[in-house]
PDB file of N, CA and C in Angstrom:
ATOM      1  N   UNK A   1      65.462 110.069  65.205  1.00  0.00           N
ATOM      2  CA  UNK A   1      66.439 110.171  66.267  1.00  0.00           C
ATOM      3  C   UNK A   1      67.819 110.148  65.603  1.00  0.00           C
ATOM      4  N   UNK A   2      68.662 111.057  66.062  1.00  0.00           N
ATOM      5  CA  UNK A   2      69.998 111.149  65.479  1.00  0.00           C
ATOM      6  C   UNK A   2      70.918 110.099  66.084  1.00  0.00           C
ATOM      7  N   UNK A   3      72.016 109.873  65.416  1.00  0.00           N
ATOM      8  CA  UNK A   3      73.017 108.925  65.909  1.00  0.00           C
ATOM      9  C   UNK A   3      73.544 109.356  67.275  1.00  0.00           C
ATOM     10  N   UNK A   4      73.718 110.645  67.471  1.00  0.00           N
ATOM     11  CA  UNK A   4      74.201 111.163  68.760  1.00  0.00           C
ATOM     12  C   UNK A   4      73.193 110.853  69.865  1.00  0.00           C
ATOM     13  N   UNK A   5      71.893 111.056  69.596  1.00  0.00           N
ATOM     14  CA  UNK A   5      70.867 110.760  70.596  1.00  0.00           C
ATOM     15  C   UNK A   5      70.841 109.273  70.941  1.00  0.00           C
ATOM     16  N   UNK A   6      71.002 108.424  69.958  1.00  0.00           N
ATOM     17  CA  UNK A   6      71.036 106.978  70.193  1.00  0.00           C
ATOM     18  C   UNK A   6      72.219 106.618  71.078  1.00  0.00           C
ATOM     19  N   UNK A   7      73.376 107.187  70.786  1.00  0.00           N
ATOM     20  CA  UNK A   7      74.571 106.901  71.605  1.00  0.00           C
ATOM     21  C   UNK A   7      74.411 107.398  73.037  1.00  0.00           C
ATOM     22  N   UNK A   8      73.848 108.598  73.191  1.00  0.00           N
ATOM     23  CA  UNK A   8      73.642 109.147  74.534  1.00  0.00           C
ATOM     24  C   UNK A   8      72.689 108.250  75.331  1.00  0.00           C
ATOM     25  N   UNK A   9      71.615 107.813  74.709  1.00  0.00           N
ATOM     26  CA  UNK A   9      70.679 106.914  75.399  1.00  0.00           C
ATOM     27  C   UNK A   9      71.339 105.591  75.757  1.00  0.00           C
ATOM     28  N   UNK A  10      72.132 105.074  74.856  1.00  0.00           N
ATOM     29  CA  UNK A  10      72.832 103.811  75.106  1.00  0.00           C
ATOM     30  C   UNK A  10      73.791 103.953  76.275  1.00  0.00           C
ATOM     31  N   UNK A  11      74.526 105.039  76.314  1.00  0.00           N
ATOM     32  CA  UNK A  11      75.461 105.283  77.428  1.00  0.00           C
ATOM     33  C   UNK A  11      74.685 105.449  78.733  1.00  0.00           C
ATOM     34  N   UNK A  12      73.570 106.181  78.696  1.00  0.00           N
ATOM     35  CA  UNK A  12      72.760 106.379  79.905  1.00  0.00           C
ATOM     36  C   UNK A  12      72.231 105.051  80.433  1.00  0.00           C
ATOM     37  N   UNK A  13      71.789 104.178  79.535  1.00  0.00           N
ATOM     38  CA  UNK A  13      71.318 102.847  79.964  1.00  0.00           C
ATOM     39  C   UNK A  13      72.454 102.055  80.597  1.00  0.00           C
ATOM     40  N   UNK A  14      73.627 102.114  79.983  1.00  0.00           N
ATOM     41  CA  UNK A  14      74.788 101.398  80.520  1.00  0.00           C
ATOM     42  C   UNK A  14      75.160 101.899  81.906  1.00  0.00           C
ATOM     43  N   UNK A  15      75.122 103.204  82.104  1.00  0.00           N
ATOM     44  CA  UNK A  15      75.421 103.782  83.415  1.00  0.00           C
ATOM     45  C   UNK A  15      74.379 103.333  84.433  1.00  0.00           C
ATOM     46  N   UNK A  16      73.116 103.306  84.057  1.00  0.00           N
ATOM     47  CA  UNK A  16      72.049 102.875  84.970  1.00  0.00           C
ATOM     48  C   UNK A  16      72.231 101.413  85.365  1.00  0.00           C
ATOM     49  N   UNK A  17      72.557 100.564  84.407  1.00  0.00           N
ATOM     50  CA  UNK A  17      72.771  99.143  84.701  1.00  0.00           C
ATOM     51  C   UNK A  17      73.965  98.975  85.628  1.00  0.00           C
ATOM     52  N   UNK A  18      75.041  99.699  85.374  1.00  0.00           N
ATOM     53  CA  UNK A  18      76.231  99.624  86.220  1.00  0.00           C
ATOM     54  C   UNK A  18      75.916 100.093  87.633  1.00  0.00           C
ATOM     55  N   UNK A  19      75.161 101.181  87.758  1.00  0.00           N
ATOM     56  CA  UNK A  19      74.790 101.690  89.084  1.00  0.00           C
ATOM     57  C   UNK A  19      73.967 100.667  89.850  1.00  0.00           C
ATOM     58  N   UNK A  20      73.027 100.006  89.174  1.00  0.00           N
ATOM     59  CA  UNK A  20      72.221  98.969  89.843  1.00  0.00           C
ATOM     60  C   UNK A  20      73.087  97.793  90.275  1.00  0.00           C
ATOM     61  N   UNK A  21      74.009  97.379  89.434  1.00  0.00           N
ATOM     62  CA  UNK A  21      74.886  96.263  89.771  1.00  0.00           C
ATOM     63  C   UNK A  21      75.753  96.601  90.970  1.00  0.00           C
ATOM     64  N   UNK A  22      76.290  97.822  91.000  1.00  0.00           N
ATOM     65  CA  UNK A  22      77.117  98.220  92.144  1.00  0.00           C
ATOM     66  C   UNK A  22      76.300  98.329  93.418  1.00  0.00           C
ATOM     67  N   UNK A  23      75.077  98.826  93.324  1.00  0.00           N
ATOM     68  CA  UNK A  23      74.214  98.931  94.504  1.00  0.00           C
ATOM     69  C   UNK A  23      73.868  97.550  95.039  1.00  0.00           C
ATOM     70  N   UNK A  24      73.601  96.593  94.147  1.00  0.00           N
ATOM     71  CA  UNK A  24      73.288  95.238  94.585  1.00  0.00           C
ATOM     72  C   UNK A  24      74.484  94.594  95.253  1.00  0.00           C
ATOM     73  N   UNK A  25      75.651  94.792  94.690  1.00  0.00           N
ATOM     74  CA  UNK A  25      76.862  94.219  95.275  1.00  0.00           C
ATOM     75  C   UNK A  25      77.137  94.811  96.643  1.00  0.00           C
ATOM     76  N   UNK A  26      76.899  96.116  96.801  1.00  0.00           N
ATOM     77  CA  UNK A  26      77.137  96.760  98.088  1.00  0.00           C
ATOM     78  C   UNK A  26      76.167  96.244  99.139  1.00  0.00           C
ATOM     79  N   UNK A  27      74.929  95.974  98.775  1.00  0.00           N
ATOM     80  CA  UNK A  27      73.928  95.505  99.734  1.00  0.00           C
ATOM     81  C   UNK A  27      74.223  94.090 100.205  1.00  0.00           C
ATOM     82  N   UNK A  28      74.917  93.311  99.391  1.00  0.00           N
ATOM     83  CA  UNK A  28      75.151  91.915  99.732  1.00  0.00           C
ATOM     84  C   UNK A  28      76.575  91.659 100.209  1.00  0.00           C
ATOM     85  N   UNK A  29      77.191  92.680 100.779  1.00  0.00           N
ATOM     86  CA  UNK A  29      78.548  92.519 101.283  1.00  0.00           C
ATOM     87  C   UNK A  29      78.553  91.623 102.514  1.00  0.00           C
ATOM     88  N   UNK A  30      79.610  90.854 102.693  1.00  0.00           N
ATOM     89  CA  UNK A  30      79.700  90.042 103.902  1.00  0.00           C
ATOM     90  C   UNK A  30      79.859  90.937 105.123  1.00  0.00           C
ATOM     91  N   UNK A  31      79.514  90.419 106.294  1.00  0.00           N
ATOM     92  CA  UNK A  31      79.639  91.230 107.501  1.00  0.00           C
ATOM     93  C   UNK A  31      81.103  91.512 107.797  1.00  0.00           C
ATOM     94  N   UNK A  32      81.377  92.533 108.603  1.00  0.00           N
ATOM     95  CA  UNK A  32      82.755  92.808 108.988  1.00  0.00           C
ATOM     96  C   UNK A  32      83.372  91.584 109.667  1.00  0.00           C
ATOM     97  N   UNK A  33      84.643  91.375 109.450  1.00  0.00           N
ATOM     98  CA  UNK A  33      85.388  90.251 110.029  1.00  0.00           C
ATOM     99  C   UNK A  33      84.860  88.893 109.584  1.00  0.00           C
ATOM    100  N   UNK A  34      84.236  88.823 108.428  1.00  0.00           N
ATOM    101  CA  UNK A  34      83.730  87.547 107.914  1.00  0.00           C
ATOM    102  C   UNK A  34      84.897  86.616 107.628  1.00  0.00           C
ATOM    103  N   UNK A  35      84.696  85.350 107.899  1.00  0.00           N
ATOM    104  CA  UNK A  35      85.724  84.339 107.656  1.00  0.00           C
ATOM    105  C   UNK A  35      85.545  83.799 106.242  1.00  0.00           C
ATOM    106  N   UNK A  36      86.473  84.097 105.317  1.00  0.00           N
ATOM    107  CA  UNK A  36      86.304  83.630 103.939  1.00  0.00           C
ATOM    108  C   UNK A  36      86.273  82.112 103.822  1.00  0.00           C
ATOM    109  N   UNK A  37      86.807  81.397 104.798  1.00  0.00           N
ATOM    110  CA  UNK A  37      86.781  79.934 104.762  1.00  0.00           C
ATOM    111  C   UNK A  37      85.357  79.398 104.889  1.00  0.00           C
ATOM    112  N   UNK A  38      84.445  80.201 105.421  1.00  0.00           N
ATOM    113  CA  UNK A  38      83.048  79.772 105.581  1.00  0.00           C
ATOM    114  C   UNK A  38      82.197  80.044 104.335  1.00  0.00           C
ATOM    115  N   UNK A  39      82.741  80.770 103.362  1.00  0.00           N
ATOM    116  CA  UNK A  39      81.972  81.143 102.166  1.00  0.00           C
ATOM    117  C   UNK A  39      81.340  79.937 101.465  1.00  0.00           C
ATOM    118  N   UNK A  40      82.066  78.820 101.264  1.00  0.00           N
ATOM    119  CA  UNK A  40      81.421  77.674 100.606  1.00  0.00           C
ATOM    120  C   UNK A  40      80.221  77.142 101.391  1.00  0.00           C
ATOM    121  N   UNK A  41      80.318  77.131 102.707  1.00  0.00           N
ATOM    122  CA  UNK A  41      79.189  76.650 103.513  1.00  0.00           C
ATOM    123  C   UNK A  41      77.992  77.580 103.349  1.00  0.00           C
ATOM    124  N   UNK A  42      78.223  78.891 103.422  1.00  0.00           N
ATOM    125  CA  UNK A  42      77.130  79.842 103.235  1.00  0.00           C
ATOM    126  C   UNK A  42      76.498  79.675 101.859  1.00  0.00           C
ATOM    127  N   UNK A  43      77.320  79.486 100.825  1.00  0.00           N
ATOM    128  CA  UNK A  43      76.779  79.306  99.470  1.00  0.00           C
ATOM    129  C   UNK A  43      75.988  78.012  99.345  1.00  0.00           C
ATOM    130  N   UNK A  44      76.255  77.044 100.225  1.00  0.00           N
ATOM    131  CA  UNK A  44      75.530  75.770 100.154  1.00  0.00           C
ATOM    132  C   UNK A  44      74.124  75.854 100.746  1.00  0.00           C
ATOM    133  N   UNK A  45      73.803  76.945 101.409  1.00  0.00           N
ATOM    134  CA  UNK A  45      72.474  77.101 101.999  1.00  0.00           C
ATOM    135  C   UNK A  45      71.471  77.405 100.892  1.00  0.00           C
ATOM    136  N   UNK A  46      70.483  76.541 100.753  1.00  0.00           N
ATOM    137  CA  UNK A  46      69.473  76.698  99.707  1.00  0.00           C
ATOM    138  C   UNK A  46      68.116  76.990 100.324  1.00  0.00           C
ATOM    139  N   UNK A  47      67.365  77.878  99.671  1.00  0.00           N
ATOM    140  CA  UNK A  47      66.019  78.163 100.140  1.00  0.00           C
ATOM    141  C   UNK A  47      65.212  76.873 100.117  1.00  0.00           C
ATOM    142  N   UNK A  48      64.490  76.578 101.198  1.00  0.00           N
ATOM    143  CA  UNK A  48      63.737  75.327 101.271  1.00  0.00           C
ATOM    144  C   UNK A  48      62.849  75.101 100.053  1.00  0.00           C
ATOM    145  N   UNK A  49      62.921  73.887  99.515  1.00  0.00           N
ATOM    146  CA  UNK A  49      62.098  73.504  98.387  1.00  0.00           C
ATOM    147  C   UNK A  49      62.580  74.031  97.049  1.00  0.00           C
ATOM    148  N   UNK A  50      63.775  74.626  97.010  1.00  0.00           N
ATOM    149  CA  UNK A  50      64.290  75.187  95.762  1.00  0.00           C
ATOM    150  C   UNK A  50      65.759  74.796  95.589  1.00  0.00           C
ATOM    151  N   UNK A  51      66.323  75.237  94.502  1.00  0.00           N
ATOM    152  CA  UNK A  51      67.768  75.112  94.295  1.00  0.00           C
ATOM    153  C   UNK A  51      68.403  76.502  94.276  1.00  0.00           C
ATOM    154  N   UNK A  52      67.712  77.479  94.885  1.00  0.00           N
ATOM    155  CA  UNK A  52      68.174  78.861  94.930  1.00  0.00           C
ATOM    156  C   UNK A  52      68.944  79.102  96.219  1.00  0.00           C
ATOM    157  N   UNK A  53      70.140  79.639  96.082  1.00  0.00           N
ATOM    158  CA  UNK A  53      70.976  79.925  97.245  1.00  0.00           C
ATOM    159  C   UNK A  53      70.339  81.008  98.105  1.00  0.00           C
ATOM    160  N   UNK A  54      70.376  80.816  99.398  1.00  0.00           N
ATOM    161  CA  UNK A  54      69.889  81.842 100.327  1.00  0.00           C
ATOM    162  C   UNK A  54      70.760  83.087 100.227  1.00  0.00           C
ATOM    163  N   UNK A  55      72.041  82.885 100.027  1.00  0.00           N
ATOM    164  CA  UNK A  55      72.973  84.008 100.034  1.00  0.00           C
ATOM    165  C   UNK A  55      73.085  84.714  98.709  1.00  0.00           C
ATOM    166  N   UNK A  56      72.481  84.190  97.668  1.00  0.00           N
ATOM    167  CA  UNK A  56      72.513  84.922  96.405  1.00  0.00           C
ATOM    168  C   UNK A  56      71.482  86.043  96.427  1.00  0.00           C
ATOM    169  N   UNK A  57      70.514  85.953  97.308  1.00  0.00           N
ATOM    170  CA  UNK A  57      69.463  86.953  97.379  1.00  0.00           C
ATOM    171  C   UNK A  57      69.471  87.755  98.672  1.00  0.00           C
ATOM    172  N   UNK A  58      70.212  87.314  99.632  1.00  0.00           N
ATOM    173  CA  UNK A  58      70.148  87.958 100.932  1.00  0.00           C
ATOM    174  C   UNK A  58      71.471  87.881 101.643  1.00  0.00           C
ATOM    175  N   UNK A  59      71.611  88.720 102.615  1.00  0.00           N
ATOM    176  CA  UNK A  59      72.755  88.617 103.498  1.00  0.00           C
ATOM    177  C   UNK A  59      72.442  87.572 104.547  1.00  0.00           C
ATOM    178  N   UNK A  60      73.291  86.582 104.642  1.00  0.00           N
ATOM    179  CA  UNK A  60      73.170  85.574 105.687  1.00  0.00           C
ATOM    180  C   UNK A  60      74.130  85.974 106.795  1.00  0.00           C
ATOM    181  N   UNK A  61      73.634  86.006 107.981  1.00  0.00           N
ATOM    182  CA  UNK A  61      74.415  86.476 109.120  1.00  0.00           C
ATOM    183  C   UNK A  61      74.245  85.557 110.320  1.00  0.00           C
ATOM    184  N   UNK A  62      75.299  85.466 111.107  1.00  0.00           N
ATOM    185  CA  UNK A  62      75.173  84.825 112.408  1.00  0.00           C
ATOM    186  C   UNK A  62      74.245  85.703 113.238  1.00  0.00           C
ATOM    187  N   UNK A  63      73.421  85.070 114.047  1.00  0.00           N
ATOM    188  CA  UNK A  63      72.441  85.832 114.823  1.00  0.00           C
ATOM    189  C   UNK A  63      72.152  85.133 116.139  1.00  0.00           C
ATOM    190  N   UNK A  64      71.505  85.844 117.003  1.00  0.00           N
ATOM    191  CA  UNK A  64      70.967  85.239 118.220  1.00  0.00           C
ATOM    192  C   UNK A  64      69.570  84.732 117.888  1.00  0.00           C
ATOM    193  N   UNK A  65      69.153  83.700 118.611  1.00  0.00           N
ATOM    194  CA  UNK A  65      67.784  83.223 118.432  1.00  0.00           C
ATOM    195  C   UNK A  65      67.251  82.734 119.755  1.00  0.00           C
ATOM    196  N   UNK A  66      65.947  82.591 119.802  1.00  0.00           N
ATOM    197  CA  UNK A  66      65.298  82.119 121.020  1.00  0.00           C
ATOM    198  C   UNK A  66      64.061  81.334 120.641  1.00  0.00           C
ATOM    199  N   UNK A  67      63.602  80.523 121.591  1.00  0.00           N
ATOM    200  CA  UNK A  67      62.352  79.794 121.418  1.00  0.00           C
ATOM    201  C   UNK A  67      61.267  80.616 122.094  1.00  0.00           C
ATOM    202  N   UNK A  68      60.210  80.871 121.364  1.00  0.00           N
ATOM    203  CA  UNK A  68      59.089  81.643 121.889  1.00  0.00           C
ATOM    204  C   UNK A  68      57.839  80.829 121.643  1.00  0.00           C
ATOM    205  N   UNK A  69      57.238  80.310 122.713  1.00  0.00           N
ATOM    206  CA  UNK A  69      56.041  79.485 122.608  1.00  0.00           C
ATOM    207  C   UNK A  69      56.341  78.276 121.731  1.00  0.00           C
ATOM    208  N   UNK A  70      55.792  78.246 120.508  1.00  0.00           N
ATOM    209  CA  UNK A  70      55.955  77.072 119.642  1.00  0.00           C
ATOM    210  C   UNK A  70      56.797  77.366 118.402  1.00  0.00           C
ATOM    211  N   UNK A  71      57.582  78.456 118.440  1.00  0.00           N
ATOM    212  CA  UNK A  71      58.387  78.799 117.268  1.00  0.00           C
ATOM    213  C   UNK A  71      59.708  79.452 117.682  1.00  0.00           C
ATOM    214  N   UNK A  72      60.595  79.595 116.706  1.00  0.00           N
ATOM    215  CA  UNK A  72      61.847  80.305 116.921  1.00  0.00           C
ATOM    216  C   UNK A  72      61.669  81.769 116.540  1.00  0.00           C
ATOM    217  N   UNK A  73      62.481  82.606 117.156  1.00  0.00           N
ATOM    218  CA  UNK A  73      62.607  83.997 116.757  1.00  0.00           C
ATOM    219  C   UNK A  73      64.082  84.287 116.554  1.00  0.00           C
ATOM    220  N   UNK A  74      64.389  85.068 115.519  1.00  0.00           N
ATOM    221  CA  UNK A  74      65.762  85.438 115.215  1.00  0.00           C
ATOM    222  C   UNK A  74      65.913  86.943 115.372  1.00  0.00           C
ATOM    223  N   UNK A  75      67.048  87.355 115.888  1.00  0.00           N
ATOM    224  CA  UNK A  75      67.332  88.770 116.060  1.00  0.00           C
ATOM    225  C   UNK A  75      67.869  89.328 114.747  1.00  0.00           C
ATOM    226  N   UNK A  76      67.097  90.219 114.134  1.00  0.00           N
ATOM    227  CA  UNK A  76      67.460  90.822 112.848  1.00  0.00           C
ATOM    228  C   UNK A  76      67.345  92.339 113.000  1.00  0.00           C
ATOM    229  N   UNK A  77      68.451  93.020 112.850  1.00  0.00           N
ATOM    230  CA  UNK A  77      68.422  94.485 112.927  1.00  0.00           C
ATOM    231  C   UNK A  77      67.869  95.011 114.234  1.00  0.00           C
ATOM    232  N   UNK A  78      68.132  94.320 115.324  1.00  0.00           N
ATOM    233  CA  UNK A  78      67.653  94.769 116.629  1.00  0.00           C
ATOM    234  C   UNK A  78      66.228  94.365 116.958  1.00  0.00           C
ATOM    235  N   UNK A  79      65.566  93.643 116.050  1.00  0.00           N
ATOM    236  CA  UNK A  79      64.183  93.203 116.279  1.00  0.00           C
ATOM    237  C   UNK A  79      64.109  91.684 116.272  1.00  0.00           C
ATOM    238  N   UNK A  80      63.277  91.133 117.139  1.00  0.00           N
ATOM    239  CA  UNK A  80      63.030  89.693 117.156  1.00  0.00           C
ATOM    240  C   UNK A  80      61.942  89.387 116.135  1.00  0.00           C
ATOM    241  N   UNK A  81      62.294  88.602 115.124  1.00  0.00           N
ATOM    242  CA  UNK A  81      61.338  88.232 114.079  1.00  0.00           C
ATOM    243  C   UNK A  81      61.000  86.753 114.185  1.00  0.00           C
ATOM    244  N   UNK A  82      59.710  86.394 114.047  1.00  0.00           N
ATOM    245  CA  UNK A  82      59.357  84.975 114.069  1.00  0.00           C
ATOM    246  C   UNK A  82      59.922  84.275 112.828  1.00  0.00           C
ATOM    247  N   UNK A  83      60.471  83.089 113.037  1.00  0.00           N
ATOM    248  CA  UNK A  83      61.021  82.297 111.939  1.00  0.00           C
ATOM    249  C   UNK A  83      59.923  81.360 111.435  1.00  0.00           C
ATOM    250  N   UNK A  84      59.501  81.515 110.178  1.00  0.00           N
ATOM    251  CA  UNK A  84      58.498  80.582 109.650  1.00  0.00           C
ATOM    252  C   UNK A  84      59.064  79.158 109.652  1.00  0.00           C
ATOM    253  N   UNK A  85      58.310  78.185 110.145  1.00  0.00           N
ATOM    254  CA  UNK A  85      58.825  76.809 110.235  1.00  0.00           C
ATOM    255  C   UNK A  85      59.341  76.267 108.905  1.00  0.00           C
ATOM    256  N   UNK A  86      58.718  76.672 107.801  1.00  0.00           N
ATOM    257  CA  UNK A  86      59.133  76.161 106.489  1.00  0.00           C
ATOM    258  C   UNK A  86      60.456  76.773 106.019  1.00  0.00           C
ATOM    259  N   UNK A  87      60.980  77.757 106.735  1.00  0.00           N
ATOM    260  CA  UNK A  87      62.251  78.394 106.366  1.00  0.00           C
ATOM    261  C   UNK A  87      63.444  77.830 107.147  1.00  0.00           C
ATOM    262  N   UNK A  88      63.167  76.915 108.060  1.00  0.00           N
ATOM    263  CA  UNK A  88      64.241  76.331 108.866  1.00  0.00           C
ATOM    264  C   UNK A  88      64.924  75.223 108.072  1.00  0.00           C
ATOM    265  N   UNK A  89      66.223  75.384 107.892  1.00  0.00           N
ATOM    266  CA  UNK A  89      67.011  74.352 107.215  1.00  0.00           C
ATOM    267  C   UNK A  89      67.461  73.336 108.254  1.00  0.00           C
ATOM    268  N   UNK A  90      67.266  72.086 107.964  1.00  0.00           N
ATOM    269  CA  UNK A  90      67.641  71.022 108.892  1.00  0.00           C
ATOM    270  C   UNK A  90      69.110  70.645 108.659  1.00  0.00           C
ATOM    271  N   UNK A  91      69.990  71.543 109.030  1.00  0.00           N
ATOM    272  CA  UNK A  91      71.419  71.345 108.816  1.00  0.00           C
ATOM    273  C   UNK A  91      72.080  71.060 110.156  1.00  0.00           C
ATOM    274  N   UNK A  92      72.930  70.073 110.188  1.00  0.00           N
ATOM    275  CA  UNK A  92      73.679  69.756 111.403  1.00  0.00           C
ATOM    276  C   UNK A  92      75.159  70.063 111.229  1.00  0.00           C
ATOM    277  N   UNK A  93      75.502  70.661 110.083  1.00  0.00           N
ATOM    278  CA  UNK A  93      76.906  70.936 109.786  1.00  0.00           C
ATOM    279  C   UNK A  93      77.242  72.418 109.891  1.00  0.00           C
ATOM    280  N   UNK A  94      76.592  73.135 110.783  1.00  0.00           N
ATOM    281  CA  UNK A  94      76.803  74.569 110.939  1.00  0.00           C
ATOM    282  C   UNK A  94      78.168  74.837 111.581  1.00  0.00           C
ATOM    283  N   UNK A  95      79.143  75.326 110.797  1.00  0.00           N
ATOM    284  CA  UNK A  95      80.478  75.540 111.351  1.00  0.00           C
ATOM    285  C   UNK A  95      80.648  76.881 112.056  1.00  0.00           C
ATOM    286  N   UNK A  96      79.613  77.717 112.071  1.00  0.00           N
ATOM    287  CA  UNK A  96      79.757  79.055 112.643  1.00  0.00           C
ATOM    288  C   UNK A  96      79.684  79.066 114.160  1.00  0.00           C
ATOM    289  N   UNK A  97      79.019  78.052 114.731  1.00  0.00           N
ATOM    290  CA  UNK A  97      78.825  78.048 116.178  1.00  0.00           C
ATOM    291  C   UNK A  97      77.656  78.916 116.615  1.00  0.00           C
ATOM    292  N   UNK A  98      76.975  79.544 115.661  1.00  0.00           N
ATOM    293  CA  UNK A  98      75.851  80.434 115.948  1.00  0.00           C
ATOM    294  C   UNK A  98      74.699  80.084 115.019  1.00  0.00           C
ATOM    295  N   UNK A  99      73.520  80.577 115.370  1.00  0.00           N
ATOM    296  CA  UNK A  99      72.411  80.474 114.424  1.00  0.00           C
ATOM    297  C   UNK A  99      72.718  81.396 113.248  1.00  0.00           C
ATOM    298  N   UNK A 100      72.154  81.068 112.090  1.00  0.00           N
ATOM    299  CA  UNK A 100      72.358  81.875 110.883  1.00  0.00           C
ATOM    300  C   UNK A 100      70.992  82.199 110.303  1.00  0.00           C
ATOM    301  N   UNK A 101      70.792  83.472 109.960  1.00  0.00           N
ATOM    302  CA  UNK A 101      69.555  83.905 109.331  1.00  0.00           C
ATOM    303  C   UNK A 101      69.892  84.594 108.016  1.00  0.00           C
ATOM    304  N   UNK A 102      69.104  84.282 106.988  1.00  0.00           N
ATOM    305  CA  UNK A 102      69.212  84.937 105.681  1.00  0.00           C
ATOM    306  C   UNK A 102      67.929  85.727 105.497  1.00  0.00           C
ATOM    307  N   UNK A 103      68.058  87.029 105.316  1.00  0.00           N
ATOM    308  CA  UNK A 103      66.904  87.920 105.393  1.00  0.00           C
ATOM    309  C   UNK A 103      67.072  89.102 104.449  1.00  0.00           C
ATOM    310  N   UNK A 104      65.975  89.543 103.846  1.00  0.00           N
ATOM    311  CA  UNK A 104      65.932  90.816 103.132  1.00  0.00           C
ATOM    312  C   UNK A 104      64.685  91.555 103.588  1.00  0.00           C
ATOM    313  N   UNK A 105      64.700  92.879 103.517  1.00  0.00           N
ATOM    314  CA  UNK A 105      63.497  93.628 103.902  1.00  0.00           C
ATOM    315  C   UNK A 105      62.292  93.280 103.030  1.00  0.00           C
ATOM    316  N   UNK A 106      62.541  92.975 101.756  1.00  0.00           N
ATOM    317  CA  UNK A 106      61.439  92.685 100.848  1.00  0.00           C
ATOM    318  C   UNK A 106      60.855  91.293 101.057  1.00  0.00           C
ATOM    319  N   UNK A 107      61.689  90.318 101.338  1.00  0.00           N
ATOM    320  CA  UNK A 107      61.236  88.922 101.429  1.00  0.00           C
ATOM    321  C   UNK A 107      61.165  88.391 102.846  1.00  0.00           C
ATOM    322  N   UNK A 108      61.704  89.107 103.792  1.00  0.00           N
ATOM    323  CA  UNK A 108      61.736  88.634 105.166  1.00  0.00           C
ATOM    324  C   UNK A 108      62.751  87.506 105.321  1.00  0.00           C
ATOM    325  N   UNK A 109      62.500  86.620 106.278  1.00  0.00           N
ATOM    326  CA  UNK A 109      63.415  85.503 106.515  1.00  0.00           C
ATOM    327  C   UNK A 109      63.231  84.465 105.424  1.00  0.00           C
ATOM    328  N   UNK A 110      64.335  84.162 104.740  1.00  0.00           N
ATOM    329  CA  UNK A 110      64.288  83.187 103.657  1.00  0.00           C
ATOM    330  C   UNK A 110      64.898  81.864 104.075  1.00  0.00           C
ATOM    331  N   UNK A 111      65.855  81.909 104.999  1.00  0.00           N
ATOM    332  CA  UNK A 111      66.499  80.690 105.490  1.00  0.00           C
ATOM    333  C   UNK A 111      66.941  80.925 106.926  1.00  0.00           C
ATOM    334  N   UNK A 112      66.912  79.860 107.692  1.00  0.00           N
ATOM    335  CA  UNK A 112      67.354  79.922 109.092  1.00  0.00           C
ATOM    336  C   UNK A 112      68.005  78.595 109.434  1.00  0.00           C
ATOM    337  N   UNK A 113      69.176  78.673 110.057  1.00  0.00           N
ATOM    338  CA  UNK A 113      69.883  77.478 110.523  1.00  0.00           C
ATOM    339  C   UNK A 113      70.132  77.641 112.012  1.00  0.00           C
ATOM    340  N   UNK A 114      69.680  76.673 112.780  1.00  0.00           N
ATOM    341  CA  UNK A 114      69.915  76.721 114.227  1.00  0.00           C
ATOM    342  C   UNK A 114      71.402  76.560 114.521  1.00  0.00           C
ATOM    343  N   UNK A 115      71.806  77.045 115.677  1.00  0.00           N
ATOM    344  CA  UNK A 115      73.176  76.828 116.127  1.00  0.00           C
ATOM    345  C   UNK A 115      73.366  75.337 116.385  1.00  0.00           C
ATOM    346  N   UNK A 116      74.582  74.879 116.172  1.00  0.00           N
ATOM    347  CA  UNK A 116      74.890  73.475 116.462  1.00  0.00           C
ATOM    348  C   UNK A 116      74.781  73.255 117.958  1.00  0.00           C
ATOM    349  N   UNK A 117      73.998  72.265 118.328  1.00  0.00           N
ATOM    350  CA  UNK A 117      73.821  71.990 119.755  1.00  0.00           C
ATOM    351  C   UNK A 117      74.925  71.086 120.247  1.00  0.00           C
ATOM    352  N   UNK A 118      75.403  71.386 121.446  1.00  0.00           N
ATOM    353  CA  UNK A 118      76.470  70.552 121.994  1.00  0.00           C
ATOM    354  C   UNK A 118      75.987  69.713 123.146  1.00  0.00           C
TER     355      UNK A 118
END
């Protein structure tokens, strides 16, 4: 392999890595009109049983929720999805005033915080 071929491959790999990084950043953008003051609270949400942030892997969004039989359902992308009980964070410090769901198409619901009850 010539030096030119090695450089071309190296540049191609760098471009591919950059494209993946930009695509990941675009997918994890905050919602429109997001309040930057809430960013620390969102970052404090950890996947149950881990030290992994819910928001490092998924978009966490305010959502509507309802009780259905013996479980919660969260509105995600226009669909009501059942919230696995083990994904519910027992947080009472929700400053959003709404339920929050952290979800990806690949992993489903990773974290859920109920709205603060008044």
